[in-house]
Amino acid sequence: MMFTSWVCFFFFTLCVTSANGGKVLVFPLDGSHWVNMKVIIEGLHSRGHQVDVVRTDDSWYIKEKSPIYTSITLDIESGFSKDFIVTFVEQLLQIQQEGKSAWNRFILEMEQREKFSQIHEKTSKLLEWLFENKTLVESLQSAKYDLILTDPGVPVGAILARFLKLPLVFNVRWTSQGEGHFAIAPSPLSYVPMTGTELSDDMTFFQRVLNVLVFIFGKHHMSMYIQPHYESIIKKYLGPEEDYNVLFQAADLWLMRVDFVFEFPRPTMPNIIYMGGFQCKPAKPLPDHLEQFVQSSGEHGVIIMSLGTIIGELPIDLADQIAAAFAKLPQKVIWRYKGAKPSTLCNNTLLLDWMPQNDLLGHPKVKLFVAHGGTNGVQEAIYHGVPILGLPLIFDQRDNLLRIGVRGAGKVIDIFSMDQDKFFQAVQEVLTNPSYKDKMQQLSWLHRDQPIPPLDNALFWIEFVMRHKGAAHLRTESYKMPWYIYYSVDVLLCLASVMLLILSVFVTCIGHLCSKMCVTRKRKNE
């Protein structure tokens, strides 16, 4: 009887979950960002929610067919195709190979800004195409979605959410303006470093000057290369009073892919929910051929190396240097690499087109992770307590690895100036100095010591927004203030005026008193 009751209760729960399931419209960003978004979509699907994912026909990570979501494929370029991104990254690597001079850094920054401008130009055309497709717009309106979940690296989801008048949730580390916090939370430049500066939260005077200059340069980039692509579309379809920046600041919820075990402390806001490391999970058993290779390492253990989802190969001379250094080691090496086989490759190194990175990092035989410093890889290394030897290449990778270095959980070297000996010595240092492993395992313990797993926390808050049709009570209205009110410039000027008036009256009174005393004294003398 008791068993029957439990079975009935179980099926009743399933029915209720299914009946109460929400409808979520997802506007993702392709590439490695989709890896993050897919984890959330899987979680929503497992809780009985219906998920529709908007993709373009040139998507390379986002598949049209999936058991966990229904795709809405747009017959237009996204501006984020695989060929475009791969070519872009190759150009950035080539510029960095030519040296670390100030001129090369300037060329690198300008190349990035030009390419980002091209991405946003195509994205704006996608938006206009979408709004002009009346059939598609009507189908989105009639679908009665509960919210829009989007990656604000491009603003399509934020603009469409305002158009459809739907609650808006961000899966965010970056927005089109830069690091997500700078769009929503107070960010004092005295101790909050800008991405790209490679600064910590303890800055000297000249470093603070640099931080402010980078902030100003970023604002200029935003106003010149990104915002102009969307202004006419926003005015035409949302109304003349709408503002590009407000569309981001008005989001109900910011699911921030950040963990303060890794990030520097900074001010935050009540509608920012931290879920850093949400994609991390316990390791699963390795495929037989990989398990055999790993076990063959004996007491020496294994090193794994990956430079991310986009960079599958390196210049052949650089790959030869790395392979030659690996050949000197007693450890076995698993290297995700798609380029031509290095001539110096030894039989202790296994090259793979793809590897189960999370499962390898969780294997007890893995001693070191040689990585480019992408957010996903860094967080997985923290979760599993594996020290990092960082080879930063592009975008935010240097800043990510700086944070690991500051905490003593890894070492960073410049891939473009290193040779075989420098690489070998760096590997040996991280392997043989126990402090790197100890520090990383301490970070792992801190990261795992949470009352609620990050993914469960994120899913709870998404469902919270569904239940309450938004989260306006968590959202600040400060973005509606003019800058002079936000920074209390008007109040300071008023107080300064009052103080000046009081001082003027005081000085005038003293002047009159002194003058009167002088006249009185003169009369007495006469």
Protein backbone atom coordinates (compact mmCIF):
# COMPACT_ATOMS: atom_id res chain seq x y z
CA MET A 1 0.00 0.00 0.00
CA MET A 2 2.78 2.41 0.94
CA PHE A 3 4.65 1.61 -2.30
CA THR A 4 1.48 2.28 -4.32
CA SER A 5 1.02 5.62 -2.55
CA TRP A 6 4.58 6.68 -3.37
CA VAL A 7 4.10 5.72 -7.04
CA CYS A 8 0.87 7.78 -7.20
CA PHE A 9 2.61 10.70 -5.53
CA PHE A 10 5.50 10.45 -8.01
CA PHE A 11 3.22 10.54 -11.05
CA PHE A 12 1.16 13.34 -9.53
CA THR A 13 4.35 15.37 -9.07
CA LEU A 14 5.29 14.77 -12.69
CA CYS A 15 1.87 15.91 -13.87
CA VAL A 16 2.00 19.07 -11.76
CA THR A 17 5.52 19.84 -12.99
CA SER A 18 4.46 19.37 -16.58
CA ALA A 19 1.29 21.43 -16.13
CA ASN A 20 3.19 24.27 -14.48
CA GLY A 21 6.05 24.22 -16.97
CA GLY A 22 6.89 27.60 -18.45
CA LYS A 23 7.77 28.68 -21.97
CA VAL A 24 11.20 30.20 -22.47
CA LEU A 25 12.51 31.90 -25.61
CA VAL A 26 16.31 31.74 -25.83
CA PHE A 27 18.54 34.02 -27.91
CA PRO A 28 22.02 32.51 -27.45
CA LEU A 29 25.46 33.44 -28.70
CA ASP A 30 27.28 30.79 -30.69
CA GLY A 31 30.68 29.23 -29.99
CA SER A 32 31.85 28.58 -26.44
CA HIS A 33 29.02 30.78 -25.10
CA TRP A 34 26.55 28.18 -26.35
CA VAL A 35 28.28 25.53 -24.22
CA ASN A 36 27.21 27.54 -21.16
CA MET A 37 23.72 28.29 -22.40
CA LYS A 38 23.06 24.66 -23.28
CA VAL A 39 23.68 23.63 -19.65
CA ILE A 40 20.91 25.98 -18.49
CA ILE A 41 18.58 24.78 -21.26
CA GLU A 42 19.15 21.17 -20.18
CA GLY A 43 18.26 22.17 -16.62
CA LEU A 44 15.08 23.94 -17.73
CA HIS A 45 14.07 20.97 -19.89
CA SER A 46 14.61 18.57 -16.98
CA ARG A 47 12.16 20.66 -14.90
CA GLY A 48 9.42 20.40 -17.50
CA HIS A 49 9.80 23.78 -19.21
CA GLN A 50 9.40 24.25 -22.96
CA VAL A 51 12.42 25.93 -24.52
CA ASP A 52 12.55 27.50 -27.99
CA VAL A 53 16.01 28.48 -29.26
CA VAL A 54 16.47 31.10 -31.98
CA ARG A 55 19.39 30.29 -34.29
CA THR A 56 20.57 31.28 -37.76
CA ASP A 57 21.24 28.97 -40.67
CA ASP A 58 25.02 29.58 -40.33
CA SER A 59 25.10 28.39 -36.69
CA TRP A 60 28.04 26.08 -35.99
CA TYR A 61 27.49 24.98 -32.39
CA ILE A 62 23.72 25.40 -32.08
CA LYS A 63 22.13 22.37 -33.75
CA GLU A 64 18.73 22.55 -35.43
CA LYS A 65 17.56 19.20 -34.06
CA SER A 66 17.65 18.59 -30.31
CA PRO A 67 15.65 16.56 -27.78
CA ILE A 68 15.82 19.39 -25.21
CA TYR A 69 14.64 22.38 -27.26
CA THR A 70 12.75 23.39 -30.39
CA SER A 71 14.76 25.53 -32.77
CA ILE A 72 13.55 28.59 -34.65
CA THR A 73 15.98 28.96 -37.55
CA LEU A 74 16.34 32.39 -39.16
CA ASP A 75 17.29 32.45 -42.83
CA ILE A 76 19.91 35.16 -42.43
CA GLU A 77 23.58 35.52 -41.43
CA SER A 78 24.32 35.96 -37.75
CA GLY A 79 27.63 37.77 -38.11
CA PHE A 80 29.08 35.12 -35.82
CA SER A 81 29.80 32.32 -38.29
CA LYS A 82 32.59 29.83 -37.73
CA ASP A 83 34.65 31.03 -40.72
CA PHE A 84 34.46 34.64 -39.58
CA ILE A 85 35.49 33.88 -36.00
CA VAL A 86 38.33 31.51 -36.99
CA THR A 87 39.74 34.07 -39.45
CA PHE A 88 39.39 36.82 -36.83
CA VAL A 89 41.28 34.80 -34.20
CA GLU A 90 44.04 33.90 -36.69
CA GLN A 91 44.56 37.61 -37.44
CA LEU A 92 44.79 38.43 -33.73
CA LEU A 93 47.35 35.68 -33.18
CA GLN A 94 49.42 36.84 -36.14
CA ILE A 95 49.53 40.42 -34.83
CA GLN A 96 50.71 39.19 -31.41
CA GLN A 97 53.39 36.98 -32.95
CA GLU A 98 54.98 40.07 -34.48
CA GLY A 99 55.95 41.41 -31.05
CA LYS A 100 54.70 43.14 -27.89
CA SER A 101 55.43 46.75 -28.87
CA ALA A 102 52.97 49.55 -28.12
CA TRP A 103 52.33 49.87 -31.86
CA ASN A 104 51.36 46.20 -32.16
CA ARG A 105 49.09 46.54 -29.13
CA PHE A 106 47.39 49.50 -30.81
CA ILE A 107 46.95 47.53 -34.06
CA LEU A 108 45.56 44.61 -32.05
CA GLU A 109 42.99 46.83 -30.32
CA MET A 110 41.94 48.49 -33.58
CA GLU A 111 41.59 45.12 -35.32
CA GLN A 112 39.35 43.87 -32.53
CA ARG A 113 37.21 46.98 -32.67
CA GLU A 114 36.84 46.75 -36.44
CA LYS A 115 35.81 43.09 -36.33
CA PHE A 116 33.37 43.64 -33.45
CA SER A 117 31.86 46.49 -35.46
CA GLN A 118 31.35 44.10 -38.38
CA ILE A 119 29.66 41.57 -36.08
CA HIS A 120 27.26 44.20 -34.76
CA GLU A 121 26.57 45.55 -38.23
CA LYS A 122 25.36 42.09 -39.31
CA THR A 123 23.49 41.62 -36.04
CA SER A 124 21.61 44.89 -36.59
CA LYS A 125 20.60 43.68 -40.06
CA LEU A 126 19.37 40.45 -38.47
CA LEU A 127 17.25 42.48 -36.05
CA GLU A 128 15.72 44.59 -38.79
CA TRP A 129 15.01 41.47 -40.86
CA LEU A 130 13.33 39.89 -37.85
CA PHE A 131 11.09 42.92 -37.13
CA GLU A 132 10.08 43.16 -40.79
CA ASN A 133 9.12 39.48 -40.85
CA LYS A 134 5.55 40.02 -39.68
CA THR A 135 4.68 36.32 -39.74
CA LEU A 136 7.60 35.47 -37.43
CA VAL A 137 6.84 38.39 -35.09
CA GLU A 138 3.19 37.37 -34.82
CA SER A 139 4.18 33.77 -34.05
CA LEU A 140 6.51 34.98 -31.27
CA GLN A 141 3.77 37.18 -29.84
CA SER A 142 1.14 34.43 -29.97
CA ALA A 143 3.46 31.87 -28.34
CA LYS A 144 2.89 33.55 -24.94
CA TYR A 145 6.43 33.10 -23.62
CA ASP A 146 7.07 33.62 -19.92
CA LEU A 147 10.47 35.23 -20.42
CA ILE A 148 13.43 35.69 -22.75
CA LEU A 149 16.77 34.19 -21.76
CA THR A 150 19.67 35.63 -23.72
CA ASP A 151 23.42 36.16 -23.84
CA PRO A 152 23.90 39.95 -24.00
CA GLY A 153 27.16 39.68 -25.94
CA VAL A 154 24.89 40.86 -28.75
CA PRO A 155 21.73 42.86 -27.94
CA VAL A 156 19.15 40.96 -30.04
CA GLY A 157 17.48 39.27 -27.05
CA ALA A 158 17.38 42.47 -24.97
CA ILE A 159 15.82 44.50 -27.79
CA LEU A 160 13.29 41.79 -28.65
CA ALA A 161 12.31 41.40 -24.97
CA ARG A 162 11.41 45.09 -24.82
CA PHE A 163 9.49 44.81 -28.10
CA LEU A 164 7.52 41.76 -26.90
CA LYS A 165 7.16 43.23 -23.37
CA LEU A 166 8.58 40.08 -21.77
CA PRO A 167 10.69 39.65 -18.61
CA LEU A 168 14.39 39.51 -19.47
CA VAL A 169 17.06 37.24 -17.98
CA PHE A 170 20.73 37.44 -18.94
CA ASN A 171 23.20 34.54 -18.98
CA VAL A 172 26.16 36.86 -18.78
CA ARG A 173 29.82 37.43 -18.32
CA TRP A 174 30.11 39.95 -21.17
CA THR A 175 27.73 42.41 -22.74
CA SER A 176 28.34 44.30 -25.96
CA GLN A 177 29.67 47.12 -23.72
CA GLY A 178 32.25 44.94 -21.98
CA GLU A 179 32.37 43.05 -18.67
CA GLY A 180 28.81 42.68 -17.40
CA HIS A 181 29.15 44.40 -13.99
CA PHE A 182 30.10 47.71 -15.62
CA ALA A 183 26.65 47.94 -17.23
CA ILE A 184 24.63 47.45 -14.03
CA ALA A 185 26.68 47.70 -10.81
CA PRO A 186 28.75 50.52 -9.26
CA SER A 187 32.32 50.00 -10.47
CA PRO A 188 34.86 52.29 -8.74
CA LEU A 189 37.87 52.45 -11.03
CA SER A 190 40.14 52.91 -8.01
CA TYR A 191 39.96 49.18 -7.25
CA VAL A 192 37.83 47.53 -9.98
CA PRO A 193 40.21 46.76 -12.89
CA MET A 194 39.05 47.03 -16.48
CA THR A 195 39.33 43.89 -18.59
CA GLY A 196 42.41 44.00 -20.77
CA THR A 197 44.55 45.97 -18.32
CA GLU A 198 45.84 42.83 -16.54
CA LEU A 199 45.56 44.75 -13.26
CA SER A 200 44.50 43.50 -9.84
CA ASP A 201 42.32 45.28 -7.27
CA ASP A 202 45.47 46.73 -5.64
CA MET A 203 46.60 49.43 -8.07
CA THR A 204 49.32 52.06 -7.89
CA PHE A 205 48.60 55.66 -8.94
CA PHE A 206 49.83 55.13 -12.50
CA GLN A 207 47.89 51.88 -12.78
CA ARG A 208 44.75 53.73 -11.74
CA VAL A 209 45.49 56.31 -14.43
CA LEU A 210 45.74 53.46 -16.96
CA ASN A 211 42.51 51.95 -15.66
CA VAL A 212 40.64 55.24 -16.16
CA LEU A 213 42.09 55.71 -19.65
CA VAL A 214 41.02 52.19 -20.67
CA PHE A 215 37.53 52.91 -19.31
CA ILE A 216 37.30 56.10 -21.39
CA PHE A 217 38.63 54.27 -24.45
CA GLY A 218 35.99 51.57 -23.94
CA LYS A 219 33.21 54.16 -23.77
CA HIS A 220 34.53 55.71 -26.98
CA HIS A 221 34.59 52.29 -28.65
CA MET A 222 31.02 51.69 -27.56
CA SER A 223 29.76 55.02 -28.89
CA MET A 224 31.65 54.78 -32.19
CA TYR A 225 31.69 51.11 -33.19
CA ILE A 226 28.65 49.42 -31.57
CA GLN A 227 25.80 51.67 -30.50
CA PRO A 228 25.34 53.46 -33.88
CA HIS A 229 24.39 50.16 -35.52
CA TYR A 230 21.29 49.86 -33.32
CA GLU A 231 20.10 53.42 -32.67
CA SER A 232 17.87 53.77 -35.74
CA ILE A 233 16.37 50.28 -35.21
CA ILE A 234 15.59 51.01 -31.55
CA LYS A 235 13.95 54.35 -32.39
CA LYS A 236 11.94 52.83 -35.25
CA TYR A 237 10.61 49.71 -33.55
CA LEU A 238 10.70 50.54 -29.82
CA GLY A 239 10.06 54.26 -29.77
CA PRO A 240 12.02 57.53 -29.83
CA GLU A 241 12.40 57.62 -26.03
CA GLU A 242 14.20 54.27 -25.80
CA ASP A 243 17.94 54.14 -25.12
CA TYR A 244 20.41 51.37 -26.00
CA ASN A 245 22.04 51.23 -22.56
CA VAL A 246 18.70 51.24 -20.72
CA LEU A 247 17.68 48.04 -22.52
CA PHE A 248 20.48 46.24 -20.68
CA GLN A 249 20.06 47.95 -17.32
CA ALA A 250 16.34 47.16 -17.30
CA ALA A 251 16.92 43.38 -17.35
CA ASP A 252 15.12 41.61 -14.51
CA LEU A 253 17.90 39.19 -13.71
CA TRP A 254 21.63 38.90 -14.41
CA LEU A 255 22.86 35.31 -14.09
CA MET A 256 26.55 36.14 -13.76
CA ARG A 257 29.10 33.46 -14.70
CA VAL A 258 31.43 34.65 -11.94
CA ASP A 259 32.62 33.22 -8.64
CA PHE A 260 34.34 35.48 -6.10
CA VAL A 261 36.69 32.63 -5.32
CA PHE A 262 38.14 33.60 -8.70
CA GLU A 263 37.02 37.21 -9.24
CA PHE A 264 38.29 40.27 -7.32
CA PRO A 265 35.78 41.66 -4.75
CA ARG A 266 33.61 44.48 -6.07
CA PRO A 267 30.18 46.12 -5.53
CA THR A 268 27.16 44.24 -6.84
CA MET A 269 23.36 44.55 -7.15
CA PRO A 270 20.42 42.49 -5.80
CA ASN A 271 19.33 41.27 -9.26
CA ILE A 272 22.79 39.82 -10.01
CA ILE A 273 22.80 36.09 -9.25
CA TYR A 274 26.24 34.50 -9.20
CA MET A 275 26.56 31.07 -10.79
CA GLY A 276 30.27 30.77 -11.55
CA GLY A 277 31.23 27.17 -12.28
CA PHE A 278 27.60 26.13 -12.87
CA GLN A 279 28.65 24.00 -15.84
CA CYS A 280 31.11 21.97 -13.74
CA LYS A 281 30.16 18.49 -12.61
CA PRO A 282 31.75 15.37 -11.15
CA ALA A 283 33.91 13.45 -13.61
CA LYS A 284 32.45 10.50 -15.49
CA PRO A 285 34.52 7.39 -16.35
CA LEU A 286 36.83 7.86 -19.31
CA PRO A 287 36.52 5.85 -22.53
CA ASP A 288 38.56 2.63 -22.34
CA HIS A 289 41.38 3.78 -24.65
CA LEU A 290 41.85 7.01 -22.66
CA GLU A 291 41.68 5.22 -19.31
CA GLN A 292 44.39 2.80 -20.46
CA PHE A 293 46.60 5.66 -21.60
CA VAL A 294 46.10 7.53 -18.32
CA GLN A 295 46.82 4.44 -16.21
CA SER A 296 50.01 3.78 -18.18
CA SER A 297 51.47 6.98 -16.68
CA GLY A 298 52.14 5.17 -13.41
CA GLU A 299 53.19 7.36 -10.47
CA HIS A 300 54.17 10.29 -12.70
CA GLY A 301 50.61 11.15 -13.71
CA VAL A 302 49.18 13.00 -16.69
CA ILE A 303 49.26 16.51 -18.14
CA ILE A 304 46.39 17.71 -20.32
CA MET A 305 46.59 20.62 -22.74
CA SER A 306 43.83 22.48 -24.59
CA LEU A 307 43.64 25.93 -26.12
CA GLY A 308 39.86 26.10 -26.32
CA THR A 309 37.10 25.45 -28.81
CA ILE A 310 38.34 27.80 -31.55
CA ILE A 311 42.14 27.46 -31.50
CA GLY A 312 42.80 23.90 -32.59
CA GLU A 313 46.29 24.44 -33.97
CA LEU A 314 49.40 26.59 -33.61
CA PRO A 315 52.20 27.73 -35.94
CA ILE A 316 54.27 24.60 -36.66
CA ASP A 317 57.47 25.97 -35.12
CA LEU A 318 55.65 26.75 -31.87
CA ALA A 319 53.94 23.35 -31.83
CA ASP A 320 57.36 21.69 -32.32
CA GLN A 321 58.77 23.58 -29.31
CA ILE A 322 55.88 22.47 -27.09
CA ALA A 323 56.04 18.85 -28.27
CA ALA A 324 59.82 18.77 -27.70
CA ALA A 325 59.35 20.02 -24.12
CA PHE A 326 56.67 17.38 -23.47
CA ALA A 327 59.04 14.71 -24.79
CA LYS A 328 61.47 15.43 -21.93
CA LEU A 329 58.85 14.76 -19.25
CA PRO A 330 58.20 11.44 -17.47
CA GLN A 331 54.48 12.26 -17.44
CA LYS A 332 52.02 11.23 -20.13
CA VAL A 333 50.41 14.10 -22.05
CA ILE A 334 46.97 14.38 -23.65
CA TRP A 335 46.90 17.32 -26.05
CA ARG A 336 43.80 18.52 -27.90
CA TYR A 337 45.34 19.52 -31.21
CA LYS A 338 44.03 19.57 -34.79
CA GLY A 339 47.10 20.80 -36.67
CA ALA A 340 49.83 18.91 -38.47
CA LYS A 341 51.63 16.41 -36.27
CA PRO A 342 54.70 18.09 -34.70
CA SER A 343 57.99 16.59 -35.86
CA THR A 344 59.27 16.47 -32.25
CA LEU A 345 56.27 14.52 -30.92
CA CYS A 346 57.19 11.68 -28.57
CA ASN A 347 55.17 8.56 -27.76
CA ASN A 348 54.35 9.94 -24.29
CA THR A 349 52.02 12.50 -25.95
CA LEU A 350 48.60 11.66 -27.33
CA LEU A 351 47.03 14.09 -29.83
CA LEU A 352 43.23 14.26 -29.95
CA ASP A 353 40.75 16.29 -32.02
CA TRP A 354 38.46 16.41 -29.00
CA MET A 355 38.79 15.30 -25.40
CA PRO A 356 36.40 15.00 -22.42
CA GLN A 357 38.05 17.90 -20.61
CA ASN A 358 35.87 17.90 -17.48
CA ASP A 359 36.22 14.13 -17.02
CA LEU A 360 40.00 14.30 -17.48
CA LEU A 361 40.37 17.19 -15.02
CA GLY A 362 38.45 15.12 -12.48
CA HIS A 363 40.71 12.09 -12.90
CA PRO A 364 43.09 11.55 -9.94
CA LYS A 365 46.06 10.97 -12.26
CA VAL A 366 45.88 14.44 -13.87
CA LYS A 367 48.53 16.72 -12.35
CA LEU A 368 48.52 19.81 -14.56
CA PHE A 369 46.27 21.68 -17.00
CA VAL A 370 48.05 23.64 -19.75
CA ALA A 371 45.32 26.05 -20.86
CA HIS A 372 44.64 29.27 -22.77
CA GLY A 373 42.62 30.78 -19.92
CA GLY A 374 39.05 30.63 -21.20
CA THR A 375 36.44 31.06 -18.46
CA ASN A 376 34.99 27.55 -18.82
CA GLY A 377 38.36 25.80 -18.59
CA VAL A 378 39.54 27.92 -15.65
CA GLN A 379 36.36 27.22 -13.70
CA GLU A 380 36.57 23.49 -14.41
CA ALA A 381 40.18 23.47 -13.20
CA ILE A 382 39.12 25.26 -9.99
CA TYR A 383 36.24 22.82 -9.47
CA HIS A 384 38.56 19.80 -9.76
CA GLY A 385 41.55 21.41 -8.01
CA VAL A 386 44.06 21.06 -10.89
CA PRO A 387 46.78 23.76 -11.10
CA ILE A 388 47.13 25.68 -14.37
CA LEU A 389 50.01 26.61 -16.62
CA GLY A 390 48.48 29.47 -18.60
CA LEU A 391 49.23 30.33 -22.23
CA PRO A 392 46.87 33.31 -22.83
CA LEU A 393 46.10 34.12 -26.44
CA ILE A 394 43.19 36.55 -26.97
CA PHE A 395 40.29 38.50 -25.41
CA ASP A 396 39.90 38.11 -21.61
CA GLN A 397 42.26 35.17 -21.22
CA ARG A 398 45.18 37.15 -19.76
CA ASP A 399 42.92 38.70 -17.13
CA ASN A 400 41.46 35.28 -16.21
CA LEU A 401 44.91 33.79 -15.79
CA LEU A 402 46.13 36.86 -13.88
CA ARG A 403 43.53 36.06 -11.22
CA ILE A 404 44.76 32.48 -11.01
CA GLY A 405 48.36 33.71 -10.74
CA VAL A 406 47.50 36.26 -8.02
CA ARG A 407 46.00 33.43 -5.96
CA GLY A 408 49.08 31.28 -6.43
CA ALA A 409 47.09 28.49 -8.16
CA GLY A 410 49.00 28.61 -11.44
CA LYS A 411 51.69 30.21 -13.52
CA VAL A 412 51.38 32.31 -16.68
CA ILE A 413 53.91 32.50 -19.53
CA ASP A 414 53.85 34.35 -22.84
CA ILE A 415 53.30 31.80 -25.60
CA PHE A 416 54.61 34.17 -28.27
CA SER A 417 58.04 34.69 -26.68
CA MET A 418 58.63 31.29 -25.08
CA ASP A 419 60.88 28.54 -26.40
CA GLN A 420 61.26 24.86 -25.57
CA ASP A 421 63.37 25.49 -22.47
CA LYS A 422 61.11 28.19 -21.01
CA PHE A 423 58.06 26.03 -21.51
CA PHE A 424 59.75 22.96 -20.00
CA GLN A 425 60.94 24.92 -16.95
CA ALA A 426 57.46 26.38 -16.39
CA VAL A 427 55.86 22.92 -16.56
CA GLN A 428 58.44 21.55 -14.13
CA GLU A 429 57.90 24.44 -11.70
CA VAL A 430 54.14 23.93 -11.45
CA LEU A 431 54.53 20.14 -11.21
CA THR A 432 57.23 20.11 -8.55
CA ASN A 433 56.23 23.09 -6.38
CA PRO A 434 53.41 21.79 -4.14
CA SER A 435 52.13 25.30 -3.37
CA TYR A 436 50.42 25.53 -6.77
CA LYS A 437 48.38 22.40 -6.16
CA ASP A 438 47.66 23.35 -2.55
CA LYS A 439 46.39 26.80 -3.53
CA MET A 440 44.20 25.41 -6.32
CA GLN A 441 42.71 22.76 -4.05
CA GLN A 442 41.95 25.47 -1.50
CA LEU A 443 40.11 27.41 -4.22
CA SER A 444 38.27 24.21 -5.14
CA TRP A 445 37.15 23.69 -1.55
CA LEU A 446 35.95 27.30 -1.29
CA HIS A 447 34.08 27.04 -4.58
CA ARG A 448 32.31 23.82 -3.63
CA ASP A 449 31.38 25.01 -0.12
CA GLN A 450 28.01 26.52 -1.11
CA PRO A 451 24.52 25.89 0.30
CA ILE A 452 23.02 25.49 -3.20
CA PRO A 453 24.78 24.27 -6.36
CA PRO A 454 25.22 27.22 -8.79
CA LEU A 455 23.07 25.65 -11.53
CA ASP A 456 20.19 24.93 -9.13
CA ASN A 457 20.41 28.51 -7.88
CA ALA A 458 20.25 29.85 -11.45
CA LEU A 459 17.25 27.67 -12.31
CA PHE A 460 15.43 28.73 -9.14
CA TRP A 461 15.77 32.41 -10.07
CA ILE A 462 14.68 31.84 -13.67
CA GLU A 463 11.55 30.13 -12.35
CA PHE A 464 11.16 32.97 -9.82
CA VAL A 465 10.93 35.44 -12.73
CA MET A 466 8.38 33.16 -14.43
CA ARG A 467 6.21 32.95 -11.32
CA HIS A 468 6.23 36.68 -10.61
CA LYS A 469 6.27 37.96 -14.22
CA GLY A 470 9.58 39.69 -13.65
CA ALA A 471 11.71 40.88 -10.73
CA ALA A 472 11.22 44.65 -10.78
CA HIS A 473 11.64 44.89 -6.99
CA LEU A 474 15.28 43.77 -7.37
CA ARG A 475 16.05 46.17 -10.19
CA THR A 476 17.47 49.61 -9.47
CA GLU A 477 15.94 52.62 -11.19
CA SER A 478 19.22 54.54 -10.99
CA TYR A 479 19.81 54.15 -14.70
CA LYS A 480 16.97 56.63 -15.30
CA MET A 481 18.88 59.35 -13.47
CA PRO A 482 21.00 61.91 -15.35
CA TRP A 483 24.69 61.51 -14.60
CA TYR A 484 24.84 64.70 -12.51
CA ILE A 485 22.11 63.35 -10.22
CA TYR A 486 23.57 59.82 -10.09
CA TYR A 487 26.91 61.20 -8.88
CA SER A 488 25.20 63.87 -6.69
CA VAL A 489 26.95 66.65 -8.58
CA ASP A 490 23.89 68.89 -8.12
CA VAL A 491 23.88 68.22 -4.36
CA LEU A 492 27.61 68.92 -4.07
CA LEU A 493 27.23 72.15 -6.03
CA CYS A 494 24.32 73.18 -3.81
CA LEU A 495 26.26 72.44 -0.62
CA ALA A 496 29.33 74.18 -2.01
CA SER A 497 27.18 77.22 -2.86
CA VAL A 498 25.71 77.31 0.64
CA MET A 499 29.17 77.01 2.19
CA LEU A 500 30.45 79.73 -0.11
CA LEU A 501 27.51 81.95 0.82
CA ILE A 502 28.09 81.38 4.55
CA LEU A 503 31.80 82.05 4.09
CA SER A 504 31.05 85.23 2.12
CA VAL A 505 28.66 86.48 4.82
CA PHE A 506 31.21 85.63 7.50
CA VAL A 507 34.03 87.40 5.66
CA THR A 508 31.78 90.41 5.01
CA CYS A 509 30.80 90.60 8.68
CA ILE A 510 34.41 90.32 9.79
CA GLY A 511 35.32 93.03 7.30
CA HIS A 512 32.62 95.36 8.60
CA LEU A 513 33.59 94.63 12.21
CA CYS A 514 37.26 95.31 11.52
CA SER A 515 36.37 98.48 9.66
CA LYS A 516 34.19 99.68 12.55
CA MET A 517 36.92 98.90 15.09
CA CYS A 518 39.45 100.85 13.05
CA VAL A 519 37.13 103.87 12.86
CA THR A 520 36.47 103.72 16.62
CA ARG A 521 40.17 103.48 17.42
CA LYS A 522 40.94 106.39 15.09
CA ARG A 523 38.35 108.60 16.83
CA LYS A 524 39.79 107.80 20.26
CA ASN A 525 43.27 108.66 19.09
CA GLU A 526 42.01 112.02 17.83
